[in-house]
Protein backbone atom coordinates (compact mmCIF):
# COMPACT_ATOMS: atom_id res chain seq x y z
CA UNK A 1 99.05 150.11 8.49
CA UNK A 2 100.10 153.37 7.34
CA UNK A 3 102.45 151.85 4.81
CA UNK A 4 99.65 149.47 3.53
CA UNK A 5 97.17 152.41 3.19
CA UNK A 6 99.81 154.50 1.14
CA UNK A 7 100.33 151.45 -1.36
CA UNK A 8 96.55 151.06 -1.64
CA UNK A 9 95.70 154.58 -1.73
CA UNK A 10 96.88 155.12 -5.45
CA UNK A 11 95.38 151.98 -6.63
CA UNK A 12 91.83 152.83 -5.36
CA UNK A 13 92.37 156.41 -6.66
CA UNK A 14 92.71 155.08 -10.15
CA UNK A 15 89.54 152.75 -10.05
CA UNK A 16 87.18 155.82 -8.64
CA UNK A 17 88.83 157.98 -11.42
CA UNK A 18 87.78 155.02 -13.66
CA UNK A 19 84.15 155.61 -12.35
CA UNK A 20 84.18 159.34 -12.83
CA UNK A 21 85.15 159.00 -16.32
CA UNK A 22 82.73 156.36 -17.18
CA UNK A 23 79.91 158.87 -16.30
CA UNK A 24 81.55 162.11 -17.69
CA UNK A 25 84.27 162.46 -20.13
CA UNK A 26 84.06 159.12 -21.92
CA UNK A 27 80.49 157.64 -21.52
CA UNK A 28 80.42 155.27 -24.19
CA UNK A 29 80.61 151.50 -24.11
CA UNK A 30 82.73 151.33 -27.23
CA UNK A 31 85.51 153.49 -25.74
CA UNK A 32 85.99 151.30 -22.55
CA UNK A 33 85.47 148.04 -24.33
CA UNK A 34 88.52 149.02 -26.83
CA UNK A 35 90.60 150.08 -23.83
CA UNK A 36 89.78 146.56 -22.22
CA UNK A 37 90.71 144.52 -25.28
CA UNK A 38 93.99 146.70 -25.67
CA UNK A 39 94.80 146.27 -22.12
CA UNK A 40 93.82 142.44 -21.88
CA UNK A 41 95.39 141.38 -25.31
CA UNK A 42 98.65 143.71 -25.68
CA UNK A 43 99.60 145.78 -22.58
CA UNK A 44 98.82 143.43 -19.59
CA UNK A 45 100.42 140.44 -21.34
CA UNK A 46 103.61 142.45 -22.01
CA UNK A 47 103.82 143.41 -18.57
CA UNK A 48 103.79 139.83 -17.57
CA UNK A 49 106.29 138.73 -19.84
CA UNK A 50 108.56 141.70 -19.16
CA UNK A 51 108.24 141.02 -15.37
CA UNK A 52 109.11 137.51 -15.60
CA UNK A 53 111.90 138.10 -18.28
CA UNK A 54 113.70 140.42 -15.89
CA UNK A 55 112.94 138.58 -12.51
CA UNK A 56 115.66 136.94 -10.73
CA UNK A 57 113.57 133.72 -9.61
CA UNK A 58 116.49 132.12 -7.85
CA UNK A 59 116.17 134.84 -5.15
CA UNK A 60 112.40 134.62 -4.51
CA UNK A 61 110.31 131.31 -3.02
CA UNK A 62 108.78 130.43 -6.23
CA UNK A 63 107.19 127.03 -4.71
CA UNK A 64 106.10 128.48 -1.26
CA UNK A 65 104.35 131.36 -2.98
CA UNK A 66 102.80 129.60 -6.12
CA UNK A 67 101.95 126.64 -3.92
CA UNK A 68 100.05 128.43 -1.11
CA UNK A 69 98.03 130.67 -3.66
CA UNK A 70 97.36 127.53 -6.03
CA UNK A 71 96.18 125.44 -3.16
CA UNK A 72 94.30 127.89 -1.61
CA UNK A 73 92.32 128.51 -5.20
CA UNK A 74 91.86 124.70 -5.47
CA UNK A 75 90.46 124.45 -1.72
CA UNK A 76 88.01 127.35 -2.29
CA UNK A 77 86.88 125.74 -5.70
CA UNK A 78 86.36 122.43 -4.15
CA UNK A 79 84.58 124.33 -0.99
CA UNK A 80 82.17 126.01 -3.60
CA UNK A 81 81.54 122.60 -5.22
CA UNK A 82 81.02 120.78 -2.20
CA UNK A 83 78.46 123.42 -1.01
CA UNK A 84 76.39 123.40 -4.32
CA UNK A 85 73.63 121.10 -2.85
CA UNK A 86 73.29 123.58 0.22
CA UNK A 87 73.19 126.58 -1.94
CA UNK A 88 70.36 124.93 -4.05
CA UNK A 89 68.30 124.43 -1.09
CA UNK A 90 68.36 128.33 -0.67
CA UNK A 91 66.92 128.75 -4.14
CA UNK A 92 70.43 129.58 -5.61
CA UNK A 93 69.94 128.29 -9.05
CA UNK A 94 72.89 126.98 -11.48
CA UNK A 95 73.82 130.37 -13.33
CA UNK A 96 73.84 132.28 -10.05
CA UNK A 97 76.11 129.55 -8.29
CA UNK A 98 78.60 130.39 -11.00
CA UNK A 99 78.66 133.54 -10.36
CA UNK A 100 79.42 132.92 -6.77
CA UNK A 101 82.21 130.63 -7.72
CA UNK A 102 83.94 133.00 -9.86
CA UNK A 103 83.48 135.90 -7.22
CA UNK A 104 85.10 133.47 -4.75
CA UNK A 105 87.91 132.13 -6.88
CA UNK A 106 89.13 134.60 -9.43
CA UNK A 107 91.23 137.55 -8.60
CA UNK A 108 92.00 141.12 -9.91
CA UNK A 109 95.63 141.17 -11.49
CA UNK A 110 95.63 144.57 -11.93
CA UNK A 111 95.00 145.38 -8.15
CA UNK A 112 97.47 142.73 -7.02
CA UNK A 113 100.10 143.65 -9.47
CA UNK A 114 99.83 147.52 -8.45
CA UNK A 115 100.05 147.08 -4.67
CA UNK A 116 102.70 144.41 -4.68
CA UNK A 117 104.89 146.74 -6.89
CA UNK A 118 104.02 149.83 -4.74
CA UNK A 119 104.78 148.02 -1.46
CA UNK A 120 108.09 145.91 -2.68
CA UNK A 121 109.25 147.37 -5.95
CA UNK A 122 110.47 144.86 -8.69
CA UNK A 123 110.54 141.99 -6.06
CA UNK A 124 107.12 142.40 -5.14
CA UNK A 125 106.17 142.50 -8.92
CA UNK A 126 108.03 139.40 -9.65
CA UNK A 127 106.60 137.53 -6.94
CA UNK A 128 103.03 138.62 -7.46
CA UNK A 129 103.76 137.58 -11.24
CA UNK A 130 104.95 134.05 -9.80
CA UNK A 131 101.64 133.83 -8.32
CA UNK A 132 99.67 134.63 -11.22
CA UNK A 133 101.70 131.70 -13.14
CA UNK A 134 100.17 129.72 -10.48
CA UNK A 135 96.76 130.60 -10.18
CA UNK A 136 95.49 131.81 -14.07
CA UNK A 137 95.38 128.70 -15.49
CA UNK A 138 93.52 126.83 -12.64
CA UNK A 139 91.10 129.33 -12.09
CA UNK A 140 90.32 129.63 -15.75
CA UNK A 141 89.56 125.84 -16.26
CA UNK A 142 87.65 125.69 -13.17
CA UNK A 143 85.58 128.63 -14.16
CA UNK A 144 84.78 127.48 -17.79
CA UNK A 145 84.07 124.01 -16.45
CA UNK A 146 81.68 125.38 -13.81
CA UNK A 147 79.86 127.70 -16.08
CA UNK A 148 79.78 125.04 -18.95
CA UNK A 149 78.15 122.54 -16.29
CA UNK A 150 75.89 124.70 -14.47
CA UNK A 151 75.15 127.58 -16.64
CA UNK A 152 75.68 127.15 -20.31
CA UNK A 153 72.39 126.49 -22.28
CA UNK A 154 74.41 123.95 -24.40
CA UNK A 155 76.65 121.71 -22.47
CA UNK A 156 80.40 122.30 -23.40
CA UNK A 157 82.58 119.48 -24.65
CA UNK A 158 85.88 118.78 -22.75
CA UNK A 159 87.52 120.37 -26.17
CA UNK A 160 85.74 123.56 -26.13
CA UNK A 161 86.69 124.16 -22.45
CA UNK A 162 90.33 123.36 -23.09
CA UNK A 163 90.32 125.59 -26.35
CA UNK A 164 88.97 128.56 -24.13
CA UNK A 165 91.44 128.39 -21.88
CA UNK A 166 94.31 127.83 -24.16
CA UNK A 167 93.42 131.00 -25.89
CA UNK A 168 93.68 133.17 -22.58
CA UNK A 169 96.40 135.59 -23.41
CA UNK A 170 97.45 135.70 -19.81
CA UNK A 171 98.54 132.17 -19.85
CA UNK A 172 100.74 132.56 -22.96
CA UNK A 173 102.23 135.54 -21.66
CA UNK A 174 103.16 133.75 -18.28
CA UNK A 175 104.55 130.69 -20.36
CA UNK A 176 106.61 133.05 -22.86
CA UNK A 177 108.16 135.17 -19.83
CA UNK A 178 109.02 131.79 -17.66
CA UNK A 179 110.63 130.31 -20.98
CA UNK A 180 112.69 133.26 -21.53
CA UNK A 181 114.01 133.45 -18.10
CA UNK A 182 114.37 129.89 -17.74
CA UNK A 183 116.43 129.64 -21.10
CA UNK A 184 118.42 133.18 -20.67
CA UNK A 185 117.16 134.09 -24.04
CA UNK A 186 118.86 137.32 -25.19
CA UNK A 187 116.72 139.92 -26.12
CA UNK A 188 117.76 143.05 -27.76
CA UNK A 189 117.73 146.46 -26.37
CA UNK A 190 114.84 147.62 -28.56
CA UNK A 191 112.81 144.92 -27.02
CA UNK A 192 113.20 146.21 -23.28
CA UNK A 193 112.42 149.71 -24.54
CA UNK A 194 109.14 148.96 -26.39
CA UNK A 195 108.15 146.58 -23.47
CA UNK A 196 109.01 148.63 -20.65
CA UNK A 197 106.99 151.52 -22.11
CA UNK A 198 103.99 149.17 -22.73
CA UNK A 199 104.11 147.59 -19.40
CA UNK A 200 104.05 151.08 -17.50
CA UNK A 201 100.86 151.97 -19.00
CA UNK A 202 99.08 148.63 -18.49
CA UNK A 203 98.07 148.73 -14.95
CA UNK A 204 97.17 152.36 -14.65
CA UNK A 205 94.84 151.73 -17.88
CA UNK A 206 93.74 148.24 -16.33
CA UNK A 207 92.74 150.05 -12.95
CA UNK A 208 90.76 152.83 -15.05
CA UNK A 209 88.89 150.35 -17.14
CA UNK A 210 88.04 148.27 -13.69
CA UNK A 211 86.47 151.37 -12.36
CA UNK A 212 84.53 151.92 -15.49
CA UNK A 213 82.92 148.41 -15.21
CA UNK A 214 81.61 148.61 -11.94
CA UNK A 215 77.72 148.59 -11.55
CA UNK A 216 76.74 150.79 -8.66
CA UNK A 217 72.96 150.12 -8.81
CA UNK A 218 71.48 147.86 -5.90
CA UNK A 219 74.36 148.10 -3.89
CA UNK A 220 72.59 149.09 -0.68
CA UNK A 221 70.60 145.82 -0.98
CA UNK A 222 72.57 142.90 -1.92
CA UNK A 223 71.27 139.65 -2.43
CA UNK A 224 72.27 136.48 -0.30
CA UNK A 225 74.08 135.13 -3.44
CA UNK A 226 75.95 138.54 -3.69
CA UNK A 227 76.90 138.42 0.36
CA UNK A 228 78.21 134.56 0.07
CA UNK A 229 80.38 135.76 -3.20
CA UNK A 230 81.86 138.64 -1.28
CA UNK A 231 82.17 136.76 2.17
CA UNK A 232 84.01 133.88 0.51
CA UNK A 233 86.55 136.05 -1.44
CA UNK A 234 87.45 138.69 1.07
CA UNK A 235 87.22 136.85 4.06
CA UNK A 236 87.74 133.21 3.84
CA UNK A 237 90.07 133.14 0.79
CA UNK A 238 92.82 135.25 2.67
CA UNK A 239 92.48 132.97 5.88
CA UNK A 240 92.86 129.82 3.57
CA UNK A 241 96.03 131.48 1.68
CA UNK A 242 97.72 132.51 4.98
CA UNK A 243 97.29 129.60 6.70
CA UNK A 244 98.75 127.40 3.84
CA UNK A 245 101.51 130.42 3.28
CA UNK A 246 102.42 129.61 7.05
CA UNK A 247 102.52 125.81 6.50
CA UNK A 248 104.78 126.21 3.75
CA UNK A 249 106.97 128.56 6.01
CA UNK A 250 106.83 131.76 4.43
CA UNK A 251 107.28 134.99 6.10
CA UNK A 252 108.24 138.77 5.57
CA UNK A 253 107.75 140.02 2.01
CA UNK A 254 106.66 136.77 0.73
CA UNK A 255 103.89 136.22 3.06
CA UNK A 256 102.51 139.63 2.14
CA UNK A 257 102.41 138.93 -1.19
CA UNK A 258 100.42 136.16 -0.40
CA UNK A 259 98.15 138.39 1.71
CA UNK A 260 97.76 140.92 -1.08
CA UNK A 261 97.07 138.37 -3.97
CA UNK A 262 94.43 136.34 -1.78
CA UNK A 263 92.86 139.70 -0.69
CA UNK A 264 92.47 141.27 -3.78
CA UNK A 265 88.55 141.33 -5.25
CA UNK A 266 87.73 138.95 -8.21
CA UNK A 267 88.36 140.00 -11.68
CA UNK A 268 86.15 141.88 -14.12
CA UNK A 269 86.96 139.52 -16.97
CA UNK A 270 84.79 137.00 -14.92
CA UNK A 271 81.75 139.19 -16.08
CA UNK A 272 82.45 139.01 -19.68
CA UNK A 273 82.97 135.09 -19.52
CA UNK A 274 79.44 134.95 -17.36
CA UNK A 275 77.64 136.94 -20.24
CA UNK A 276 79.41 134.54 -22.92
CA UNK A 277 78.49 131.23 -21.03
CA UNK A 278 75.06 131.86 -19.58
CA UNK A 279 76.08 132.84 -16.13
CA UNK A 280 74.03 135.14 -13.92
CA UNK A 281 75.78 138.49 -15.29
CA UNK A 282 73.97 140.89 -13.20
CA UNK A 283 74.60 139.05 -10.32
CA UNK A 284 78.21 138.80 -10.99
CA UNK A 285 78.32 142.67 -11.72
CA UNK A 286 76.95 143.09 -8.19
CA UNK A 287 79.71 140.95 -6.54
CA UNK A 288 82.60 142.51 -8.37
CA UNK A 289 81.66 145.87 -7.21
CA UNK A 290 80.80 145.15 -3.71
CA UNK A 291 84.25 143.47 -3.59
CA UNK A 292 86.17 146.29 -5.06
CA UNK A 293 84.76 148.74 -2.62
CA UNK A 294 84.97 146.33 0.39
CA UNK A 295 88.52 145.52 -0.43
CA UNK A 296 89.59 149.20 0.36
CA UNK A 297 88.98 148.46 4.07
CA UNK A 298 89.60 144.67 4.32
CA UNK A 299 92.83 144.48 2.00
CA UNK A 300 94.63 146.88 4.49
CA UNK A 301 93.61 144.64 7.53
CA UNK A 302 94.78 141.36 5.68
CA UNK A 303 98.08 142.75 4.58
CA UNK A 304 98.88 144.62 8.15
CA UNK A 305 98.39 141.51 9.94
CA UNK A 306 101.38 139.96 8.25
CA UNK A 307 103.39 142.79 6.79
């Protein structure tokens, strides 16, 4: 447990620092919006590309880790959809349902990669990146489709949904990194120097932006919808993922990486998507904030159980 907490502590300190900076030195929304776009479109994709380019995928259980997390995300998505009629009877409307869905299925990549790297170094970072390749396309397709069906003022066409997913820079980064790795395409030294410099800054800035985006109002009295979103992601998702990982025969570091990726809070970018497509953005902000705070407790437990 001490090792797990030591790996998590720097991550959550940076998130708290983001909260402090948002209310002191950097109060303007435009400042954080610029950092968010820089991280999302440049720094973080570069980290993914460089990690996958350098990873020795022959030494990591790609199918097991990716398969367990992919199937757990799929299972959670299907469970949420199956529970939609029951949630409707609890007066949870379509936009609120989409926030529960995103809160239950998406994951905070900055936290997952940071903790994986802190605990297991380059191998952990490579395994977590493999997990991203498995999860990001699926959860993006499902999130956009669910928002289009249950929340969007105007129903989105299949073409519009596919276009939104294809434009995701993280999906492109995963594809490019894997392509270069599998084809053994040689890259010049200057590429690695620039890519490494950008990659080193991505996680720290990403965690600061995560902290700055937290909404602390109304946390003492969370709604039923927020409680469901938190329980699904921080409790049920790790249980599903670890059960599937055990079924795949994973153990050791690989099992711990699955626990890390499954136990992280949901992605702050889900809030942006909800705001753009008619979802219940305030509810999702509450879910994201509650999950991020409570993950400081639940993540060490989930990881320590298998690490």
